[in-house]
Amino acid sequence: MDPSKPAPPHTSPLGMWSTKLSLRIIQFTLSIAMIGLVGSVMSAGFWALGTLICAAPPTIVSAVWALSEGICILARGGHRGIHPGACVAVDLLLWLTFIGSTVALWFLGIATAIASGTLDGLANYNRDPYEWSDNSVSDTMDGLVAKGQALVGLGATLV
């Protein structure tokens, strides 16, 4: 900062801007991890398309928001970020969007479990573990999709 210029009207204390910056870094890191989770679930097939539709857009917006706030904290004079009212509004909208995504993924996981017939309790655990059939591969993939959707829902709640 140029010493000949007056200080900005508000200068954030060291503890405040370092906390805001570290939380935005954590948010950005979790968002990138969520994008990776969505990508890994997408490899499971057509039914995982719902995961992409539900979780990817708010996760990408969250990553862009965290990056832009971090850049503003580092670049603006006095280590001021984006206006606090705007931060509260965008974070609240992201939070509400992630709640909607989590509920949608929950319903999608239940629909996938019902469609694959894995919702009937311990039926899959009574099978011989050494038996090989195309049906067991299908059940395994459906289980992976359901677990992946659960992970994405959990991650969306954390972001």
Protein backbone atom coordinates (compact mmCIF):
# COMPACT_ATOMS: atom_id res chain seq x y z
CA MET A 1 0.00 0.00 0.00
CA ASP A 2 1.31 3.44 -0.91
CA PRO A 3 2.11 5.45 2.26
CA SER A 4 1.14 8.73 0.55
CA LYS A 5 -2.46 7.58 0.09
CA PRO A 6 -4.87 7.75 3.02
CA ALA A 7 -5.91 4.51 4.65
CA PRO A 8 -9.18 3.01 3.47
CA PRO A 9 -12.21 3.83 5.64
CA HIS A 10 -12.16 0.35 7.12
CA THR A 11 -9.16 -1.84 7.69
CA SER A 12 -9.71 -5.43 8.80
CA PRO A 13 -7.65 -6.54 11.79
CA LEU A 14 -5.14 -9.33 11.20
CA GLY A 15 -7.20 -11.96 13.02
CA MET A 16 -10.35 -11.11 11.06
CA TRP A 17 -8.92 -11.21 7.56
CA SER A 18 -6.73 -14.25 8.21
CA THR A 19 -9.75 -16.16 9.56
CA LYS A 20 -11.90 -15.12 6.60
CA LEU A 21 -9.15 -16.08 4.18
CA SER A 22 -8.50 -19.46 5.81
CA LEU A 23 -12.24 -20.30 5.82
CA ARG A 24 -12.51 -19.37 2.13
CA ILE A 25 -9.50 -21.57 1.38
CA ILE A 26 -11.22 -24.45 3.19
CA GLN A 27 -14.44 -23.76 1.27
CA PHE A 28 -12.57 -23.73 -2.05
CA THR A 29 -10.74 -26.96 -1.18
CA LEU A 30 -13.98 -28.73 -0.20
CA SER A 31 -15.65 -27.49 -3.39
CA ILE A 32 -12.85 -28.91 -5.53
CA ALA A 33 -13.10 -32.20 -3.62
CA MET A 34 -16.86 -32.21 -4.24
CA ILE A 35 -16.32 -31.69 -7.96
CA GLY A 36 -13.98 -34.70 -7.88
CA LEU A 37 -16.61 -36.77 -6.02
CA VAL A 38 -19.24 -35.85 -8.58
CA GLY A 39 -16.84 -36.87 -11.35
CA SER A 40 -16.10 -40.20 -9.71
CA VAL A 41 -19.79 -40.97 -9.26
CA MET A 42 -20.42 -40.02 -12.89
CA SER A 43 -18.34 -43.00 -14.02
CA ALA A 44 -21.05 -45.34 -12.65
CA GLY A 45 -23.45 -44.85 -15.52
CA PHE A 46 -26.67 -43.19 -16.58
CA TRP A 47 -28.37 -43.02 -13.16
CA ALA A 48 -25.51 -40.94 -11.84
CA LEU A 49 -26.53 -38.12 -14.20
CA GLY A 50 -28.88 -36.89 -11.48
CA THR A 51 -25.88 -36.38 -9.23
CA LEU A 52 -24.28 -34.17 -11.85
CA ILE A 53 -27.45 -32.14 -12.30
CA CYS A 54 -28.05 -31.71 -8.55
CA ALA A 55 -24.58 -31.20 -7.13
CA ALA A 56 -22.27 -29.78 -9.79
CA PRO A 57 -23.78 -26.30 -10.40
CA PRO A 58 -23.89 -25.14 -6.75
CA THR A 59 -20.49 -26.69 -6.11
CA ILE A 60 -18.93 -24.82 -9.02
CA VAL A 61 -20.60 -21.57 -7.89
CA SER A 62 -19.27 -22.18 -4.37
CA ALA A 63 -15.72 -22.66 -5.68
CA VAL A 64 -15.90 -19.49 -7.79
CA TRP A 65 -17.37 -17.52 -4.86
CA ALA A 66 -14.65 -18.69 -2.44
CA LEU A 67 -11.93 -17.89 -4.98
CA SER A 68 -13.30 -14.42 -5.70
CA GLU A 69 -13.66 -13.58 -2.00
CA GLY A 70 -10.12 -14.83 -1.34
CA ILE A 71 -8.73 -12.71 -4.16
CA CYS A 72 -10.59 -9.65 -2.85
CA ILE A 73 -9.26 -10.19 0.67
CA LEU A 74 -5.71 -10.37 -0.63
CA ALA A 75 -5.93 -7.63 -3.27
CA ARG A 76 -8.06 -4.87 -1.73
CA GLY A 77 -6.60 -2.21 0.50
CA GLY A 78 -6.95 -2.89 4.19
CA HIS A 79 -7.50 -6.60 3.48
CA ARG A 80 -11.19 -5.95 3.01
CA GLY A 81 -13.16 -8.59 1.20
CA ILE A 82 -16.44 -8.29 -0.62
CA HIS A 83 -19.13 -6.32 1.22
CA PRO A 84 -20.31 -8.28 4.29
CA GLY A 85 -23.96 -8.05 3.25
CA ALA A 86 -23.16 -9.57 -0.13
CA CYS A 87 -21.16 -12.34 1.58
CA VAL A 88 -24.06 -13.19 3.88
CA ALA A 89 -26.57 -13.16 1.00
CA VAL A 90 -24.50 -15.34 -1.34
CA ASP A 91 -23.49 -17.77 1.41
CA LEU A 92 -27.13 -18.10 2.50
CA LEU A 93 -28.26 -18.75 -1.08
CA LEU A 94 -25.50 -21.33 -1.52
CA TRP A 95 -26.47 -22.98 1.76
CA LEU A 96 -30.14 -23.19 0.73
CA THR A 97 -29.15 -24.53 -2.69
CA PHE A 98 -26.99 -27.21 -1.10
CA ILE A 99 -29.85 -28.21 1.19
CA GLY A 100 -32.05 -28.63 -1.89
CA SER A 101 -29.32 -30.62 -3.63
CA THR A 102 -28.87 -32.85 -0.61
CA VAL A 103 -32.60 -33.58 -0.39
CA ALA A 104 -32.75 -34.26 -4.14
CA LEU A 105 -29.75 -36.60 -3.91
CA TRP A 106 -31.36 -38.36 -0.97
CA PHE A 107 -34.52 -39.00 -3.00
CA LEU A 108 -32.40 -40.05 -5.99
CA GLY A 109 -30.49 -42.53 -3.82
CA ILE A 110 -33.73 -44.01 -2.51
CA ALA A 111 -35.17 -44.23 -6.04
CA THR A 112 -31.98 -45.94 -7.24
CA ALA A 113 -32.11 -48.40 -4.35
CA ILE A 114 -35.78 -49.20 -5.03
CA ALA A 115 -35.17 -49.61 -8.77
CA SER A 116 -32.24 -51.96 -8.19
CA GLY A 117 -34.03 -53.93 -5.47
CA THR A 118 -31.36 -53.29 -2.83
CA LEU A 119 -33.77 -51.66 -0.38
CA ASP A 120 -34.91 -55.00 1.08
CA GLY A 121 -32.54 -55.07 4.04
CA LEU A 122 -29.98 -57.85 4.25
CA ALA A 123 -30.98 -59.67 1.05
CA ASN A 124 -27.64 -58.94 -0.61
CA TYR A 125 -25.65 -60.14 2.42
CA ASN A 126 -27.13 -63.65 2.21
CA ARG A 127 -25.47 -64.22 -1.16
CA ASP A 128 -22.39 -66.41 -1.48
CA PRO A 129 -19.44 -63.98 -1.69
CA TYR A 130 -17.62 -66.26 -4.16
CA GLU A 131 -20.55 -66.50 -6.55
CA TRP A 132 -19.98 -64.56 -9.77
CA SER A 133 -22.81 -63.37 -11.98
CA ASP A 134 -23.74 -60.33 -14.00
CA ASN A 135 -26.47 -59.58 -11.45
CA SER A 136 -23.94 -59.25 -8.61
CA VAL A 137 -21.90 -56.78 -10.69
CA SER A 138 -25.06 -54.75 -11.30
CA ASP A 139 -25.91 -54.79 -7.59
CA THR A 140 -22.37 -53.72 -6.76
CA MET A 141 -22.53 -50.80 -9.21
CA ASP A 142 -25.92 -49.72 -7.83
CA GLY A 143 -24.48 -49.84 -4.33
CA LEU A 144 -21.52 -47.73 -5.44
CA VAL A 145 -23.85 -45.19 -7.02
CA ALA A 146 -25.94 -44.96 -3.85
CA LYS A 147 -22.84 -44.58 -1.67
CA GLY A 148 -21.40 -41.99 -4.02
CA GLN A 149 -24.61 -40.01 -3.90
CA ALA A 150 -24.54 -40.19 -0.12
CA LEU A 151 -20.95 -38.88 -0.12
CA VAL A 152 -21.85 -36.06 -2.46
CA GLY A 153 -24.83 -35.15 -0.28
CA LEU A 154 -22.65 -35.13 2.81
CA GLY A 155 -20.01 -33.05 1.09
CA ALA A 156 -22.63 -30.62 -0.16
CA THR A 157 -23.82 -30.16 3.39
CA LEU A 158 -20.27 -29.44 4.55
CA VAL A 159 -19.58 -26.87 1.82
